[in-house]
Amino acid sequence: MRTDFVRREVTTGLRRNVTMTIAMVLTTAISLALVGTGLLAVRTIDSTEAIYADRLEVQVALTQDVSSADTDCSQPICQGIETTLQNSPLVESVTYESQQAAYERFQELFAGQSIADVARPQSLPATLRVKLADQDNGAEAVRQAMNGQVGVRTVIDQRDVVGKLFDFLGGVRNVTFALALVQAIAALLLISNTVQVSAYTRRVEVGVMRLVGATRWYTQLPFLIEAVITGVAGAVLAGVGLVVAKFVFIDDLLAGIAQNGVIPPVTIFDVLETSIWLVPIGAAIAGVTGYVTLRLYVKV
């Protein structure tokens, strides 16, 4: 009997306030979809950091005269620079890349693009690629060791380039979470208003139930269940939206840089795992909001 009452009241409440229920589901879905996007951005940042943790190098580009005259780093100037780098305890290994090897790498990276057609081996410097044993202090040590060295054109720290990528991904994450916060506030207010309206429209039957001995918790339970159902529905809708967005937008947006190994691709597993987490988040937010509203503003 009690189960039937709760089920009947929940169905009645959802049907009676159908427009507000739909609005609440949509608002919750948008908010949770933004949260999910932010979580995917965080996952991408973590995966990208893991990828580059062992791949980041410092590149010591040689001057044009040294690059063109030395194809295997056998000349005194290049050998001297290489020996200086290898003697540093913060350096793990040093690899020489000639102009021709640099050109082949360039062609591979920019295959199919117009810039690949205009590049020539002579336009690219030979490079000593330095793998660091100490990622925190090694780059600065290499810079200092190469400062003023004859034959050194420039020192490039790949972390500076990757840092810009991390800053971009972090900006996407922060903006997404900020928008999600605004939408979450709107969802909370809408849930609170819906619970109050639902309780008001059924104030007579709830009053009768209290007169015949029903506890306050028992009369509040249908309203809480309504809130949780709408929260879960919004979370499911948000998850579906993330899956659709992956195939329609995200894959196309990240196709180039993901294929080149700049960042890891966003897989369907990542999206599904994030979507699963949105369900308890949506249920908890709606349930807590409904409970606080009933305790503070509704006397049932």
Protein backbone atom coordinates (compact mmCIF):
# COMPACT_ATOMS: atom_id res chain seq x y z
CA MET A 1 0.00 0.00 0.00
CA ARG A 2 2.77 2.40 0.93
CA THR A 3 4.71 1.55 -2.21
CA ASP A 4 1.63 2.11 -4.35
CA PHE A 5 1.05 5.50 -2.73
CA VAL A 6 4.60 6.65 -3.37
CA ARG A 7 4.57 5.41 -6.96
CA ARG A 8 1.18 7.06 -7.62
CA GLU A 9 2.27 10.37 -6.13
CA VAL A 10 5.52 10.40 -8.08
CA THR A 11 3.68 9.69 -11.35
CA THR A 12 1.09 12.34 -10.60
CA GLY A 13 3.71 14.94 -9.75
CA LEU A 14 5.75 14.35 -12.88
CA ARG A 15 2.67 14.41 -15.11
CA ARG A 16 1.04 17.41 -13.44
CA ASN A 17 4.14 19.62 -13.78
CA VAL A 18 5.27 18.21 -17.11
CA THR A 19 6.56 21.48 -18.57
CA MET A 20 8.63 22.29 -15.49
CA THR A 21 9.84 18.71 -15.38
CA ILE A 22 11.03 18.91 -19.00
CA ALA A 23 12.71 22.25 -18.33
CA MET A 24 14.43 20.82 -15.27
CA VAL A 25 15.66 17.76 -17.19
CA LEU A 26 17.03 19.90 -20.02
CA THR A 27 18.73 22.38 -17.69
CA THR A 28 20.28 19.56 -15.68
CA ALA A 29 21.38 17.83 -18.89
CA ILE A 30 23.13 20.95 -20.18
CA SER A 31 24.86 21.50 -16.85
CA LEU A 32 26.03 17.89 -16.57
CA ALA A 33 27.10 17.80 -20.23
CA LEU A 34 29.38 20.77 -19.53
CA VAL A 35 30.70 19.01 -16.42
CA GLY A 36 31.34 15.92 -18.55
CA THR A 37 33.18 18.01 -21.14
CA GLY A 38 35.35 19.45 -18.39
CA LEU A 39 36.10 15.96 -17.06
CA LEU A 40 37.07 14.82 -20.55
CA ALA A 41 39.39 17.83 -20.83
CA VAL A 42 41.01 16.90 -17.50
CA ARG A 43 41.43 13.31 -18.69
CA THR A 44 42.99 14.52 -21.94
CA ILE A 45 45.42 16.78 -20.07
CA ASP A 46 46.48 13.93 -17.77
CA SER A 47 46.93 11.54 -20.71
CA THR A 48 48.89 14.14 -22.67
CA GLU A 49 51.21 14.79 -19.73
CA ALA A 50 51.78 11.03 -19.41
CA ILE A 51 52.62 10.79 -23.12
CA TYR A 52 55.14 13.63 -23.04
CA ALA A 53 56.69 12.78 -19.69
CA ASP A 54 59.36 10.61 -21.32
CA ARG A 55 59.34 12.14 -24.80
CA LEU A 56 60.18 15.78 -24.14
CA GLU A 57 63.61 16.81 -25.36
CA VAL A 58 65.79 19.86 -25.62
CA GLN A 59 66.90 20.58 -29.18
CA VAL A 60 70.22 22.30 -29.77
CA ALA A 61 70.02 23.68 -33.31
CA LEU A 62 73.36 24.26 -35.02
CA THR A 63 74.31 27.19 -37.21
CA GLN A 64 73.95 26.95 -40.98
CA ASP A 65 77.68 26.59 -41.69
CA VAL A 66 78.10 23.75 -39.21
CA SER A 67 74.88 22.07 -40.36
CA SER A 68 75.81 22.05 -44.03
CA ALA A 69 79.45 21.02 -43.51
CA ASP A 70 78.86 18.17 -41.04
CA THR A 71 76.49 15.33 -41.93
CA ASP A 72 77.36 12.98 -39.06
CA CYS A 73 78.68 15.21 -36.26
CA SER A 74 82.26 14.14 -36.92
CA GLN A 75 83.70 17.66 -37.17
CA PRO A 76 85.38 19.29 -34.14
CA ILE A 77 82.72 21.92 -33.48
CA CYS A 78 79.80 19.49 -33.44
CA GLN A 79 81.80 16.88 -31.54
CA GLY A 80 82.74 19.43 -28.92
CA ILE A 81 79.12 20.46 -28.38
CA GLU A 82 78.01 16.83 -28.23
CA THR A 83 80.73 15.95 -25.70
CA THR A 84 79.78 18.89 -23.49
CA LEU A 85 76.18 17.73 -23.43
CA GLN A 86 77.04 14.08 -22.80
CA ASN A 87 79.26 15.01 -19.85
CA SER A 88 76.33 16.61 -18.02
CA PRO A 89 74.84 14.35 -15.31
CA LEU A 90 71.41 15.79 -16.10
CA VAL A 91 71.52 14.50 -19.68
CA GLU A 92 70.52 10.93 -20.46
CA SER A 93 71.44 10.76 -24.15
CA VAL A 94 72.29 12.92 -27.16
CA THR A 95 71.23 12.09 -30.73
CA TYR A 96 72.47 13.91 -33.81
CA GLU A 97 69.94 14.75 -36.53
CA SER A 98 71.41 15.96 -39.81
CA GLN A 99 69.76 18.38 -42.20
CA GLN A 100 68.60 15.51 -44.39
CA ALA A 101 67.12 13.63 -41.41
CA ALA A 102 65.43 16.82 -40.23
CA TYR A 103 63.99 17.29 -43.71
CA GLU A 104 62.62 13.74 -43.79
CA ARG A 105 61.02 14.22 -40.36
CA PHE A 106 59.53 17.52 -41.54
CA GLN A 107 58.04 15.85 -44.62
CA GLU A 108 56.52 13.12 -42.46
CA LEU A 109 54.96 15.56 -40.01
CA PHE A 110 53.50 17.88 -42.66
CA ALA A 111 52.67 15.32 -45.33
CA GLY A 112 49.92 16.55 -47.66
CA GLN A 113 50.31 20.20 -46.64
CA SER A 114 51.58 22.98 -48.89
CA ILE A 115 54.43 23.86 -46.53
CA ALA A 116 55.96 20.43 -47.17
CA ASP A 117 56.40 21.27 -50.85
CA VAL A 118 58.37 24.48 -50.33
CA ALA A 119 60.76 23.18 -47.64
CA ARG A 120 64.31 22.18 -48.58
CA PRO A 121 66.94 20.30 -46.53
CA GLN A 122 69.21 23.37 -46.58
CA SER A 123 66.53 25.45 -44.86
CA LEU A 124 66.47 23.20 -41.80
CA PRO A 125 69.31 23.19 -39.25
CA ALA A 126 71.08 20.08 -38.02
CA THR A 127 70.09 19.39 -34.45
CA LEU A 128 71.41 17.67 -31.37
CA ARG A 129 68.35 16.13 -29.70
CA VAL A 130 68.96 15.94 -25.96
CA LYS A 131 66.98 13.53 -23.80
CA LEU A 132 67.05 14.69 -20.19
CA ALA A 133 67.67 12.53 -17.14
CA ASP A 134 66.22 15.30 -14.97
CA GLN A 135 63.15 16.94 -16.56
CA ASP A 136 62.97 19.65 -13.89
CA ASN A 137 66.53 20.98 -13.96
CA GLY A 138 68.03 19.52 -17.13
CA ALA A 139 66.64 22.04 -19.61
CA GLU A 140 68.11 25.02 -17.78
CA ALA A 141 71.45 23.23 -17.41
CA VAL A 142 71.56 22.64 -21.17
CA ARG A 143 70.76 26.30 -21.85
CA GLN A 144 73.58 27.45 -19.61
CA ALA A 145 76.05 24.96 -21.08
CA MET A 146 75.21 26.04 -24.63
CA ASN A 147 75.28 29.77 -23.90
CA GLY A 148 78.00 31.33 -26.03
CA GLN A 149 79.06 28.04 -27.63
CA VAL A 150 80.44 28.37 -31.15
CA GLY A 151 78.20 26.63 -33.68
CA VAL A 152 75.01 26.84 -31.60
CA ARG A 153 72.17 28.65 -33.31
CA THR A 154 69.44 28.27 -30.68
CA VAL A 155 68.23 26.02 -27.88
CA ILE A 156 64.61 24.88 -28.04
CA ASP A 157 62.90 23.40 -25.00
CA GLN A 158 59.95 21.29 -26.17
CA ARG A 159 58.24 21.86 -22.84
CA ASP A 160 57.69 25.49 -23.87
CA VAL A 161 55.73 24.30 -26.92
CA VAL A 162 53.82 21.62 -25.01
CA GLY A 163 53.14 24.14 -22.24
CA LYS A 164 51.08 26.22 -24.69
CA LEU A 165 49.04 23.11 -25.51
CA PHE A 166 48.46 22.46 -21.82
CA ASP A 167 47.45 26.09 -21.33
CA PHE A 168 44.92 25.76 -24.16
CA LEU A 169 43.44 22.55 -22.77
CA GLY A 170 43.39 24.05 -19.29
CA GLY A 171 41.56 27.10 -20.63
CA VAL A 172 38.94 24.85 -22.26
CA ARG A 173 38.52 23.03 -18.97
CA ASN A 174 38.18 26.22 -16.92
CA VAL A 175 35.68 27.84 -19.29
CA THR A 176 33.64 24.65 -19.43
CA PHE A 177 33.51 24.31 -15.65
CA ALA A 178 32.58 27.99 -15.31
CA LEU A 179 29.66 27.55 -17.73
CA ALA A 180 28.72 24.34 -15.93
CA LEU A 181 28.62 26.23 -12.63
CA VAL A 182 26.25 28.83 -14.05
CA GLN A 183 24.02 26.11 -15.49
CA ALA A 184 24.20 24.17 -12.23
CA ILE A 185 22.91 27.19 -10.30
CA ALA A 186 20.04 27.50 -12.77
CA ALA A 187 19.30 23.79 -12.41
CA LEU A 188 19.32 23.99 -8.61
CA LEU A 189 16.91 26.92 -8.60
CA LEU A 190 14.63 25.16 -11.06
CA ILE A 191 14.64 21.95 -9.03
CA SER A 192 13.86 23.91 -5.89
CA ASN A 193 10.98 25.77 -7.55
CA THR A 194 9.59 22.57 -9.06
CA VAL A 195 9.61 20.83 -5.68
CA GLN A 196 7.86 23.80 -4.07
CA VAL A 197 5.20 23.97 -6.80
CA SER A 198 4.65 20.22 -6.68
CA ALA A 199 4.24 20.30 -2.90
CA TYR A 200 1.87 23.26 -3.09
CA THR A 201 -0.41 21.61 -5.66
CA ARG A 202 -0.74 18.56 -3.42
CA ARG A 203 -0.94 20.33 -0.10
CA VAL A 204 -4.47 19.08 0.64
CA GLU A 205 -3.77 15.37 0.21
CA VAL A 206 -0.47 15.72 2.06
CA GLY A 207 -2.26 17.47 4.92
CA VAL A 208 -4.77 14.63 5.12
CA MET A 209 -1.95 12.09 5.21
CA ARG A 210 -0.33 13.95 8.11
CA LEU A 211 -3.62 14.06 10.00
CA VAL A 212 -4.02 10.29 9.80
CA GLY A 213 -0.53 9.69 11.17
CA ALA A 214 1.86 9.73 8.19
CA THR A 215 5.37 10.84 9.08
CA ARG A 216 6.94 13.91 7.55
CA TRP A 217 9.58 11.76 5.85
CA TYR A 218 6.90 9.55 4.28
CA THR A 219 5.03 12.54 2.81
CA GLN A 220 8.28 14.08 1.54
CA LEU A 221 9.55 10.91 -0.12
CA PRO A 222 7.55 11.30 -3.40
CA PHE A 223 8.94 14.79 -3.94
CA LEU A 224 12.50 13.58 -3.39
CA ILE A 225 12.00 10.69 -5.81
CA GLU A 226 10.63 13.12 -8.42
CA ALA A 227 13.73 15.27 -8.08
CA VAL A 228 16.07 12.27 -8.30
CA ILE A 229 14.26 10.92 -11.38
CA THR A 230 14.62 14.23 -13.20
CA GLY A 231 18.27 14.44 -12.17
CA VAL A 232 18.98 10.94 -13.48
CA ALA A 233 17.05 11.68 -16.69
CA GLY A 234 19.13 14.82 -17.19
CA ALA A 235 22.35 12.84 -16.60
CA VAL A 236 21.34 10.17 -19.13
CA LEU A 237 20.48 12.86 -21.66
CA ALA A 238 23.83 14.54 -21.00
CA GLY A 239 25.62 11.21 -21.56
CA VAL A 240 23.83 10.67 -24.85
CA GLY A 241 24.78 14.21 -25.86
CA LEU A 242 28.46 13.55 -25.10
CA VAL A 243 28.43 10.37 -27.19
CA VAL A 244 26.82 12.20 -30.11
CA ALA A 245 29.24 15.13 -29.72
CA LYS A 246 32.20 12.74 -29.84
CA PHE A 247 31.28 11.40 -33.26
CA VAL A 248 29.89 14.65 -34.71
CA PHE A 249 32.27 17.31 -33.34
CA ILE A 250 35.15 16.07 -31.17
CA ASP A 251 36.57 13.52 -33.61
CA ASP A 252 36.66 16.08 -36.44
CA LEU A 253 38.04 18.82 -34.20
CA LEU A 254 40.92 16.70 -32.87
CA ALA A 255 41.49 14.56 -35.96
CA GLY A 256 44.70 16.21 -37.14
CA ILE A 257 46.55 16.62 -33.85
CA ALA A 258 45.39 13.25 -32.53
CA GLN A 259 46.57 11.41 -35.65
CA ASN A 260 49.96 13.10 -35.41
CA GLY A 261 50.30 11.99 -31.80
CA VAL A 262 50.21 15.52 -30.37
CA ILE A 263 47.43 14.58 -27.95
CA PRO A 264 45.71 11.24 -27.32
CA PRO A 265 42.34 10.74 -29.03
CA VAL A 266 39.13 10.90 -27.01
CA THR A 267 37.87 7.32 -27.15
CA ILE A 268 34.31 6.10 -26.79
CA PHE A 269 35.42 4.36 -23.58
CA ASP A 270 36.46 7.73 -22.12
CA VAL A 271 33.07 9.22 -23.01
CA LEU A 272 31.08 6.28 -21.64
CA GLU A 273 33.06 6.19 -18.39
CA THR A 274 32.53 9.92 -17.90
CA SER A 275 28.83 9.57 -18.74
CA ILE A 276 28.41 6.86 -16.12
CA TRP A 277 29.78 9.19 -13.46
CA LEU A 278 27.24 11.84 -14.42
CA VAL A 279 24.32 9.64 -13.30
CA PRO A 280 25.16 9.55 -9.56
CA ILE A 281 26.23 13.20 -9.74
CA GLY A 282 22.86 14.21 -11.23
CA ALA A 283 20.92 12.07 -8.74
CA ALA A 284 22.88 13.42 -5.77
CA ILE A 285 22.51 17.08 -6.81
CA ALA A 286 18.78 16.74 -7.43
CA GLY A 287 18.17 14.70 -4.28
CA VAL A 288 20.09 17.05 -1.99
CA THR A 289 18.46 20.12 -3.52
CA GLY A 290 15.01 18.59 -3.13
CA TYR A 291 15.67 17.62 0.48
CA VAL A 292 17.02 21.05 1.45
CA THR A 293 14.06 22.74 -0.25
CA LEU A 294 11.55 20.58 1.61
CA ARG A 295 13.25 21.18 4.95
CA LEU A 296 13.60 24.93 4.54
CA TYR A 297 10.64 26.09 2.50
CA VAL A 298 7.96 23.41 2.46
CA LYS A 299 6.01 22.29 5.51
CA VAL A 300 4.73 18.83 4.58
